[in-house]
PDB file of N, CA and C in Angstrom:
ATOM      1  N   MET A   1      -4.573  30.259  11.151  1.00  0.00           N
ATOM      2  CA  MET A   1      -3.981  29.442  10.127  1.00  0.00           C
ATOM      3  C   MET A   1      -5.024  28.554   9.458  1.00  0.00           C
ATOM      4  N   PRO A   2      -5.292  28.609   8.142  1.00  0.00           N
ATOM      5  CA  PRO A   2      -6.290  27.833   7.517  1.00  0.00           C
ATOM      6  C   PRO A   2      -6.003  26.363   7.548  1.00  0.00           C
ATOM      7  N   GLU A   3      -7.022  25.545   7.741  1.00  0.00           N
ATOM      8  CA  GLU A   3      -6.825  24.094   7.744  1.00  0.00           C
ATOM      9  C   GLU A   3      -6.559  23.600   6.300  1.00  0.00           C
ATOM     10  N   LYS A   4      -5.693  22.627   6.271  1.00  0.00           N
ATOM     11  CA  LYS A   4      -5.414  21.966   4.971  1.00  0.00           C
ATOM     12  C   LYS A   4      -6.591  21.130   4.580  1.00  0.00           C
ATOM     13  N   PRO A   5      -7.091  21.251   3.324  1.00  0.00           N
ATOM     14  CA  PRO A   5      -8.249  20.366   2.986  1.00  0.00           C
ATOM     15  C   PRO A   5      -7.810  18.930   2.921  1.00  0.00           C
ATOM     16  N   PRO A   6      -8.705  17.999   3.273  1.00  0.00           N
ATOM     17  CA  PRO A   6      -8.360  16.594   3.307  1.00  0.00           C
ATOM     18  C   PRO A   6      -8.008  16.130   1.898  1.00  0.00           C
ATOM     19  N   GLU A   7      -7.060  15.286   1.830  1.00  0.00           N
ATOM     20  CA  GLU A   7      -6.664  14.736   0.499  1.00  0.00           C
ATOM     21  C   GLU A   7      -7.702  13.712   0.099  1.00  0.00           C
ATOM     22  N   ASP A   8      -7.894  13.570  -1.192  1.00  0.00           N
ATOM     23  CA  ASP A   8      -8.764  12.496  -1.645  1.00  0.00           C
ATOM     24  C   ASP A   8      -8.073  11.165  -1.465  1.00  0.00           C
ATOM     25  N   HIS A   9      -8.890  10.131  -1.499  1.00  0.00           N
ATOM     26  CA  HIS A   9      -8.402   8.744  -1.296  1.00  0.00           C
ATOM     27  C   HIS A   9      -7.210   8.375  -2.222  1.00  0.00           C
ATOM     28  N   ALA A  10      -7.471   8.626  -3.501  1.00  0.00           N
ATOM     29  CA  ALA A  10      -6.400   8.231  -4.473  1.00  0.00           C
ATOM     30  C   ALA A  10      -5.110   8.934  -4.250  1.00  0.00           C
ATOM     31  N   SER A  11      -5.129  10.207  -3.906  1.00  0.00           N
ATOM     32  CA  SER A  11      -3.972  10.972  -3.576  1.00  0.00           C
ATOM     33  C   SER A  11      -3.239  10.413  -2.329  1.00  0.00           C
ATOM     34  N   ARG A  12      -3.993  10.009  -1.368  1.00  0.00           N
ATOM     35  CA  ARG A  12      -3.365   9.467  -0.151  1.00  0.00           C
ATOM     36  C   ARG A  12      -2.731   8.105  -0.438  1.00  0.00           C
ATOM     37  N   VAL A  13      -3.371   7.320  -1.256  1.00  0.00           N
ATOM     38  CA  VAL A  13      -2.832   6.009  -1.623  1.00  0.00           C
ATOM     39  C   VAL A  13      -1.475   6.226  -2.438  1.00  0.00           C
ATOM     40  N   ARG A  14      -1.548   7.096  -3.353  1.00  0.00           N
ATOM     41  CA  ARG A  14      -0.387   7.398  -4.224  1.00  0.00           C
ATOM     42  C   ARG A  14       0.761   7.930  -3.282  1.00  0.00           C
ATOM     43  N   ALA A  15       0.527   8.862  -2.430  1.00  0.00           N
ATOM     44  CA  ALA A  15       1.544   9.397  -1.566  1.00  0.00           C
ATOM     45  C   ALA A  15       2.132   8.319  -0.622  1.00  0.00           C
ATOM     46  N   SER A  16       1.258   7.519  -0.117  1.00  0.00           N
ATOM     47  CA  SER A  16       1.753   6.428   0.817  1.00  0.00           C
ATOM     48  C   SER A  16       2.650   5.464   0.125  1.00  0.00           C
ATOM     49  N   PHE A  17       2.183   5.020  -1.080  1.00  0.00           N
ATOM     50  CA  PHE A  17       3.008   4.003  -1.787  1.00  0.00           C
ATOM     51  C   PHE A  17       4.258   4.627  -2.409  1.00  0.00           C
ATOM     52  N   ASP A  18       4.175   5.880  -2.726  1.00  0.00           N
ATOM     53  CA  ASP A  18       5.378   6.582  -3.197  1.00  0.00           C
ATOM     54  C   ASP A  18       6.415   6.657  -2.049  1.00  0.00           C
ATOM     55  N   ALA A  19       5.983   6.902  -0.904  1.00  0.00           N
ATOM     56  CA  ALA A  19       6.926   6.946   0.274  1.00  0.00           C
ATOM     57  C   ALA A  19       7.521   5.549   0.536  1.00  0.00           C
ATOM     58  N   LEU A  20       6.681   4.492   0.368  1.00  0.00           N
ATOM     59  CA  LEU A  20       7.208   3.160   0.490  1.00  0.00           C
ATOM     60  C   LEU A  20       8.263   2.874  -0.573  1.00  0.00           C
ATOM     61  N   HIS A  21       7.983   3.306  -1.791  1.00  0.00           N
ATOM     62  CA  HIS A  21       8.857   3.068  -2.894  1.00  0.00           C
ATOM     63  C   HIS A  21      10.201   3.838  -2.670  1.00  0.00           C
ATOM     64  N   ASP A  22      10.156   5.016  -2.091  1.00  0.00           N
ATOM     65  CA  ASP A  22      11.358   5.738  -1.732  1.00  0.00           C
ATOM     66  C   ASP A  22      12.263   4.905  -0.785  1.00  0.00           C
ATOM     67  N   GLN A  23      11.565   4.200   0.088  1.00  0.00           N
ATOM     68  CA  GLN A  23      12.314   3.426   1.091  1.00  0.00           C
ATOM     69  C   GLN A  23      12.845   2.111   0.526  1.00  0.00           C
ATOM     70  N   VAL A  24      12.113   1.400  -0.297  1.00  0.00           N
ATOM     71  CA  VAL A  24      12.498   0.075  -0.715  1.00  0.00           C
ATOM     72  C   VAL A  24      12.781  -0.046  -2.210  1.00  0.00           C
ATOM     73  N   GLY A  25      12.523   0.978  -3.014  1.00  0.00           N
ATOM     74  CA  GLY A  25      12.565   0.907  -4.480  1.00  0.00           C
ATOM     75  C   GLY A  25      13.857   0.339  -5.056  1.00  0.00           C
ATOM     76  N   SER A  26      14.965   0.676  -4.421  1.00  0.00           N
ATOM     77  CA  SER A  26      16.283   0.237  -4.899  1.00  0.00           C
ATOM     78  C   SER A  26      16.455  -1.277  -4.769  1.00  0.00           C
ATOM     79  N   ARG A  27      15.647  -1.848  -3.884  1.00  0.00           N
ATOM     80  CA  ARG A  27      15.789  -3.303  -3.624  1.00  0.00           C
ATOM     81  C   ARG A  27      14.702  -4.183  -4.351  1.00  0.00           C
ATOM     82  N   LEU A  28      13.832  -3.505  -5.080  1.00  0.00           N
ATOM     83  CA  LEU A  28      12.750  -4.254  -5.755  1.00  0.00           C
ATOM     84  C   LEU A  28      13.208  -4.913  -7.069  1.00  0.00           C
ATOM     85  N   ASP A  29      12.855  -6.120  -7.253  1.00  0.00           N
ATOM     86  CA  ASP A  29      12.999  -6.765  -8.499  1.00  0.00           C
ATOM     87  C   ASP A  29      11.661  -6.546  -9.264  1.00  0.00           C
ATOM     88  N   PRO A  30      11.629  -6.937 -10.547  1.00  0.00           N
ATOM     89  CA  PRO A  30      10.378  -6.703 -11.275  1.00  0.00           C
ATOM     90  C   PRO A  30       9.147  -7.346 -10.682  1.00  0.00           C
ATOM     91  N   ALA A  31       9.326  -8.556 -10.112  1.00  0.00           N
ATOM     92  CA  ALA A  31       8.131  -9.191  -9.507  1.00  0.00           C
ATOM     93  C   ALA A  31       7.698  -8.508  -8.251  1.00  0.00           C
ATOM     94  N   GLY A  32       8.602  -8.001  -7.481  1.00  0.00           N
ATOM     95  CA  GLY A  32       8.270  -7.199  -6.273  1.00  0.00           C
ATOM     96  C   GLY A  32       7.608  -5.906  -6.681  1.00  0.00           C
ATOM     97  N   ARG A  33       8.114  -5.242  -7.679  1.00  0.00           N
ATOM     98  CA  ARG A  33       7.515  -4.002  -8.180  1.00  0.00           C
ATOM     99  C   ARG A  33       6.081  -4.263  -8.616  1.00  0.00           C
ATOM    100  N   GLU A  34       5.883  -5.351  -9.370  1.00  0.00           N
ATOM    101  CA  GLU A  34       4.510  -5.628  -9.852  1.00  0.00           C
ATOM    102  C   GLU A  34       3.597  -5.960  -8.698  1.00  0.00           C
ATOM    103  N   ALA A  35       4.110  -6.691  -7.711  1.00  0.00           N
ATOM    104  CA  ALA A  35       3.245  -7.053  -6.554  1.00  0.00           C
ATOM    105  C   ALA A  35       2.765  -5.757  -5.822  1.00  0.00           C
ATOM    106  N   ILE A  36       3.732  -4.801  -5.637  1.00  0.00           N
ATOM    107  CA  ILE A  36       3.328  -3.619  -4.988  1.00  0.00           C
ATOM    108  C   ILE A  36       2.351  -2.753  -5.783  1.00  0.00           C
ATOM    109  N   GLU A  37       2.547  -2.734  -7.062  1.00  0.00           N
ATOM    110  CA  GLU A  37       1.594  -2.007  -7.965  1.00  0.00           C
ATOM    111  C   GLU A  37       0.167  -2.606  -7.881  1.00  0.00           C
ATOM    112  N   LYS A  38       0.080  -3.958  -7.792  1.00  0.00           N
ATOM    113  CA  LYS A  38      -1.218  -4.568  -7.656  1.00  0.00           C
ATOM    114  C   LYS A  38      -1.886  -4.197  -6.340  1.00  0.00           C
ATOM    115  N   ILE A  39      -1.119  -4.087  -5.283  1.00  0.00           N
ATOM    116  CA  ILE A  39      -1.665  -3.704  -3.971  1.00  0.00           C
ATOM    117  C   ILE A  39      -2.124  -2.248  -4.054  1.00  0.00           C
ATOM    118  N   ARG A  40      -1.292  -1.416  -4.644  1.00  0.00           N
ATOM    119  CA  ARG A  40      -1.606   0.002  -4.794  1.00  0.00           C
ATOM    120  C   ARG A  40      -2.896   0.154  -5.545  1.00  0.00           C
ATOM    121  N   ALA A  41      -3.057  -0.536  -6.674  1.00  0.00           N
ATOM    122  CA  ALA A  41      -4.271  -0.440  -7.500  1.00  0.00           C
ATOM    123  C   ALA A  41      -5.512  -0.912  -6.718  1.00  0.00           C
ATOM    124  N   ALA A  42      -5.363  -1.997  -5.993  1.00  0.00           N
ATOM    125  CA  ALA A  42      -6.495  -2.512  -5.162  1.00  0.00           C
ATOM    126  C   ALA A  42      -6.893  -1.551  -4.101  1.00  0.00           C
ATOM    127  N   ALA A  43      -5.880  -0.937  -3.488  1.00  0.00           N
ATOM    128  CA  ALA A  43      -6.172   0.027  -2.439  1.00  0.00           C
ATOM    129  C   ALA A  43      -6.791   1.266  -2.991  1.00  0.00           C
ATOM    130  N   THR A  44      -6.374   1.732  -4.146  1.00  0.00           N
ATOM    131  CA  THR A  44      -6.950   2.864  -4.800  1.00  0.00           C
ATOM    132  C   THR A  44      -8.443   2.626  -5.148  1.00  0.00           C
ATOM    133  N   ALA A  45      -8.650   1.408  -5.694  1.00  0.00           N
ATOM    134  CA  ALA A  45     -10.042   1.062  -6.086  1.00  0.00           C
ATOM    135  C   ALA A  45     -10.931   0.608  -4.915  1.00  0.00           C
ATOM    136  N   LYS A  46     -10.311   0.526  -3.729  1.00  0.00           N
ATOM    137  CA  LYS A  46     -11.029   0.012  -2.520  1.00  0.00           C
ATOM    138  C   LYS A  46     -11.646  -1.363  -2.801  1.00  0.00           C
ATOM    139  N   ASP A  47     -10.849  -2.210  -3.433  1.00  0.00           N
ATOM    140  CA  ASP A  47     -11.290  -3.556  -3.850  1.00  0.00           C
ATOM    141  C   ASP A  47     -10.757  -4.524  -2.725  1.00  0.00           C
ATOM    142  N   ALA A  48     -11.603  -4.807  -1.831  1.00  0.00           N
ATOM    143  CA  ALA A  48     -11.233  -5.598  -0.686  1.00  0.00           C
ATOM    144  C   ALA A  48     -10.707  -6.982  -1.044  1.00  0.00           C
ATOM    145  N   ALA A  49     -11.420  -7.657  -1.946  1.00  0.00           N
ATOM    146  CA  ALA A  49     -10.981  -9.029  -2.331  1.00  0.00           C
ATOM    147  C   ALA A  49      -9.614  -9.019  -2.974  1.00  0.00           C
ATOM    148  N   ALA A  50      -9.357  -8.075  -3.919  1.00  0.00           N
ATOM    149  CA  ALA A  50      -8.071  -8.036  -4.632  1.00  0.00           C
ATOM    150  C   ALA A  50      -6.993  -7.588  -3.623  1.00  0.00           C
ATOM    151  N   LEU A  51      -7.278  -6.692  -2.750  1.00  0.00           N
ATOM    152  CA  LEU A  51      -6.289  -6.199  -1.748  1.00  0.00           C
ATOM    153  C   LEU A  51      -5.870  -7.385  -0.883  1.00  0.00           C
ATOM    154  N   LYS A  52      -6.869  -8.149  -0.377  1.00  0.00           N
ATOM    155  CA  LYS A  52      -6.551  -9.290   0.473  1.00  0.00           C
ATOM    156  C   LYS A  52      -5.703 -10.312  -0.272  1.00  0.00           C
ATOM    157  N   ALA A  53      -6.128 -10.622  -1.472  1.00  0.00           N
ATOM    158  CA  ALA A  53      -5.409 -11.640  -2.247  1.00  0.00           C
ATOM    159  C   ALA A  53      -3.987 -11.177  -2.606  1.00  0.00           C
ATOM    160  N   HIS A  54      -3.802  -9.940  -2.976  1.00  0.00           N
ATOM    161  CA  HIS A  54      -2.449  -9.456  -3.326  1.00  0.00           C
ATOM    162  C   HIS A  54      -1.557  -9.398  -2.098  1.00  0.00           C
ATOM    163  N   LEU A  55      -2.142  -8.996  -0.942  1.00  0.00           N
ATOM    164  CA  LEU A  55      -1.345  -8.976   0.277  1.00  0.00           C
ATOM    165  C   LEU A  55      -0.869 -10.398   0.659  1.00  0.00           C
ATOM    166  N   ALA A  56      -1.740 -11.375   0.492  1.00  0.00           N
ATOM    167  CA  ALA A  56      -1.394 -12.771   0.795  1.00  0.00           C
ATOM    168  C   ALA A  56      -0.311 -13.263  -0.146  1.00  0.00           C
ATOM    169  N   GLN A  57      -0.424 -12.938  -1.424  1.00  0.00           N
ATOM    170  CA  GLN A  57       0.629 -13.321  -2.350  1.00  0.00           C
ATOM    171  C   GLN A  57       1.942 -12.624  -2.016  1.00  0.00           C
ATOM    172  N   LEU A  58       1.892 -11.357  -1.638  1.00  0.00           N
ATOM    173  CA  LEU A  58       3.093 -10.666  -1.286  1.00  0.00           C
ATOM    174  C   LEU A  58       3.765 -11.291  -0.098  1.00  0.00           C
ATOM    175  N   GLN A  59       2.994 -11.673   0.925  1.00  0.00           N
ATOM    176  CA  GLN A  59       3.457 -12.275   2.096  1.00  0.00           C
ATOM    177  C   GLN A  59       4.140 -13.621   1.727  1.00  0.00           C
ATOM    178  N   GLU A  60       3.504 -14.396   0.864  1.00  0.00           N
ATOM    179  CA  GLU A  60       3.979 -15.706   0.525  1.00  0.00           C
ATOM    180  C   GLU A  60       5.273 -15.702  -0.344  1.00  0.00           C
ATOM    181  N   HIS A  61       5.316 -14.789  -1.309  1.00  0.00           N
ATOM    182  CA  HIS A  61       6.388 -14.799  -2.268  1.00  0.00           C
ATOM    183  C   HIS A  61       7.470 -13.744  -2.010  1.00  0.00           C
ATOM    184  N   HIS A  62       7.184 -12.752  -1.259  1.00  0.00           N
ATOM    185  CA  HIS A  62       8.121 -11.670  -1.032  1.00  0.00           C
ATOM    186  C   HIS A  62       8.065 -11.229   0.446  1.00  0.00           C
ATOM    187  N   GLY A  63       8.427 -12.189   1.291  1.00  0.00           N
ATOM    188  CA  GLY A  63       8.283 -11.973   2.734  1.00  0.00           C
ATOM    189  C   GLY A  63       8.892 -10.701   3.275  1.00  0.00           C
ATOM    190  N   TRP A  64      10.083 -10.389   2.825  1.00  0.00           N
ATOM    191  CA  TRP A  64      10.820  -9.216   3.290  1.00  0.00           C
ATOM    192  C   TRP A  64      10.047  -7.924   2.842  1.00  0.00           C
ATOM    193  N   LEU A  65       9.437  -7.948   1.624  1.00  0.00           N
ATOM    194  CA  LEU A  65       8.711  -6.754   1.158  1.00  0.00           C
ATOM    195  C   LEU A  65       7.402  -6.592   1.945  1.00  0.00           C
ATOM    196  N   TYR A  66       6.771  -7.727   2.227  1.00  0.00           N
ATOM    197  CA  TYR A  66       5.554  -7.671   3.031  1.00  0.00           C
ATOM    198  C   TYR A  66       5.867  -7.066   4.428  1.00  0.00           C
ATOM    199  N   THR A  67       6.941  -7.478   5.003  1.00  0.00           N
ATOM    200  CA  THR A  67       7.415  -6.875   6.301  1.00  0.00           C
ATOM    201  C   THR A  67       7.624  -5.397   6.194  1.00  0.00           C
ATOM    202  N   GLU A  68       8.268  -4.972   5.137  1.00  0.00           N
ATOM    203  CA  GLU A  68       8.520  -3.514   4.915  1.00  0.00           C
ATOM    204  C   GLU A  68       7.202  -2.779   4.759  1.00  0.00           C
ATOM    205  N   LEU A  69       6.301  -3.323   3.972  1.00  0.00           N
ATOM    206  CA  LEU A  69       4.988  -2.701   3.736  1.00  0.00           C
ATOM    207  C   LEU A  69       4.229  -2.595   5.080  1.00  0.00           C
ATOM    208  N   ALA A  70       4.203  -3.634   5.795  1.00  0.00           N
ATOM    209  CA  ALA A  70       3.460  -3.682   7.049  1.00  0.00           C
ATOM    210  C   ALA A  70       4.011  -2.703   8.114  1.00  0.00           C
ATOM    211  N   ALA A  71       5.329  -2.514   8.034  1.00  0.00           N
ATOM    212  CA  ALA A  71       6.003  -1.635   9.006  1.00  0.00           C
ATOM    213  C   ALA A  71       6.076  -0.173   8.605  1.00  0.00           C
ATOM    214  N   HIS A  72       5.781   0.086   7.344  1.00  0.00           N
ATOM    215  CA  HIS A  72       5.829   1.482   6.835  1.00  0.00           C
ATOM    216  C   HIS A  72       4.660   2.268   7.439  1.00  0.00           C
ATOM    217  N   PRO A  73       4.939   3.345   8.140  1.00  0.00           N
ATOM    218  CA  PRO A  73       3.837   4.056   8.840  1.00  0.00           C
ATOM    219  C   PRO A  73       2.694   4.484   7.951  1.00  0.00           C
ATOM    220  N   ARG A  74       3.013   5.105   6.867  1.00  0.00           N
ATOM    221  CA  ARG A  74       1.939   5.668   6.022  1.00  0.00           C
ATOM    222  C   ARG A  74       1.091   4.571   5.353  1.00  0.00           C
ATOM    223  N   VAL A  75       1.763   3.536   4.877  1.00  0.00           N
ATOM    224  CA  VAL A  75       1.005   2.445   4.201  1.00  0.00           C
ATOM    225  C   VAL A  75       0.234   1.642   5.270  1.00  0.00           C
ATOM    226  N   ALA A  76       0.865   1.329   6.373  1.00  0.00           N
ATOM    227  CA  ALA A  76       0.179   0.596   7.415  1.00  0.00           C
ATOM    228  C   ALA A  76      -1.040   1.404   7.924  1.00  0.00           C
ATOM    229  N   ASN A  77      -0.925   2.693   8.060  1.00  0.00           N
ATOM    230  CA  ASN A  77      -2.063   3.514   8.492  1.00  0.00           C
ATOM    231  C   ASN A  77      -3.153   3.458   7.445  1.00  0.00           C
ATOM    232  N   LEU A  78      -2.764   3.586   6.154  1.00  0.00           N
ATOM    233  CA  LEU A  78      -3.808   3.531   5.147  1.00  0.00           C
ATOM    234  C   LEU A  78      -4.518   2.209   5.104  1.00  0.00           C
ATOM    235  N   LEU A  79      -3.789   1.097   5.215  1.00  0.00           N
ATOM    236  CA  LEU A  79      -4.401  -0.240   5.175  1.00  0.00           C
ATOM    237  C   LEU A  79      -5.279  -0.426   6.422  1.00  0.00           C
ATOM    238  N   ASP A  80      -4.850   0.040   7.595  1.00  0.00           N
ATOM    239  CA  ASP A  80      -5.658  -0.013   8.830  1.00  0.00           C
ATOM    240  C   ASP A  80      -6.967   0.752   8.557  1.00  0.00           C
ATOM    241  N   GLU A  81      -6.926   1.912   7.983  1.00  0.00           N
ATOM    242  CA  GLU A  81      -8.108   2.693   7.723  1.00  0.00           C
ATOM    243  C   GLU A  81      -9.037   1.946   6.737  1.00  0.00           C
ATOM    244  N   LEU A  82      -8.510   1.353   5.747  1.00  0.00           N
ATOM    245  CA  LEU A  82      -9.353   0.561   4.823  1.00  0.00           C
ATOM    246  C   LEU A  82     -10.032  -0.646   5.562  1.00  0.00           C
ATOM    247  N   ALA A  83      -9.246  -1.278   6.452  1.00  0.00           N
ATOM    248  CA  ALA A  83      -9.773  -2.408   7.226  1.00  0.00           C
ATOM    249  C   ALA A  83     -10.902  -1.964   8.125  1.00  0.00           C
ATOM    250  N   LEU A  84     -10.787  -0.788   8.738  1.00  0.00           N
ATOM    251  CA  LEU A  84     -11.829  -0.260   9.567  1.00  0.00           C
ATOM    252  C   LEU A  84     -13.092   0.034   8.763  1.00  0.00           C
ATOM    253  N   LEU A  85     -12.949   0.367   7.490  1.00  0.00           N
ATOM    254  CA  LEU A  85     -14.099   0.608   6.638  1.00  0.00           C
ATOM    255  C   LEU A  85     -14.716  -0.665   6.108  1.00  0.00           C
ATOM    256  N   GLY A  86     -14.178  -1.766   6.535  1.00  0.00           N
ATOM    257  CA  GLY A  86     -14.647  -3.089   6.090  1.00  0.00           C
ATOM    258  C   GLY A  86     -14.046  -3.599   4.834  1.00  0.00           C
ATOM    259  N   LEU A  87     -12.929  -2.984   4.418  1.00  0.00           N
ATOM    260  CA  LEU A  87     -12.308  -3.473   3.177  1.00  0.00           C
ATOM    261  C   LEU A  87     -11.176  -4.428   3.474  1.00  0.00           C
TER     262      LEU A  87
END
């Protein structure tokens, strides 16, 4: 059986955040949706400073959403990988 080629980073970010949206999308207000999109963009760009700042803002202003994001297996795995790369 041939191995599946590795997905590029942007595709992995998109798929991870799409899976999160499937889980919480119906509960998002416009501010929550914007906060998640900022985190997605920072993760895609591998922008450590923006990612850290947006995660802190999410935790401060949308605690329940931060908890969902941190507990989501695909997103948490992606963020852990970025952290290991020093981002």
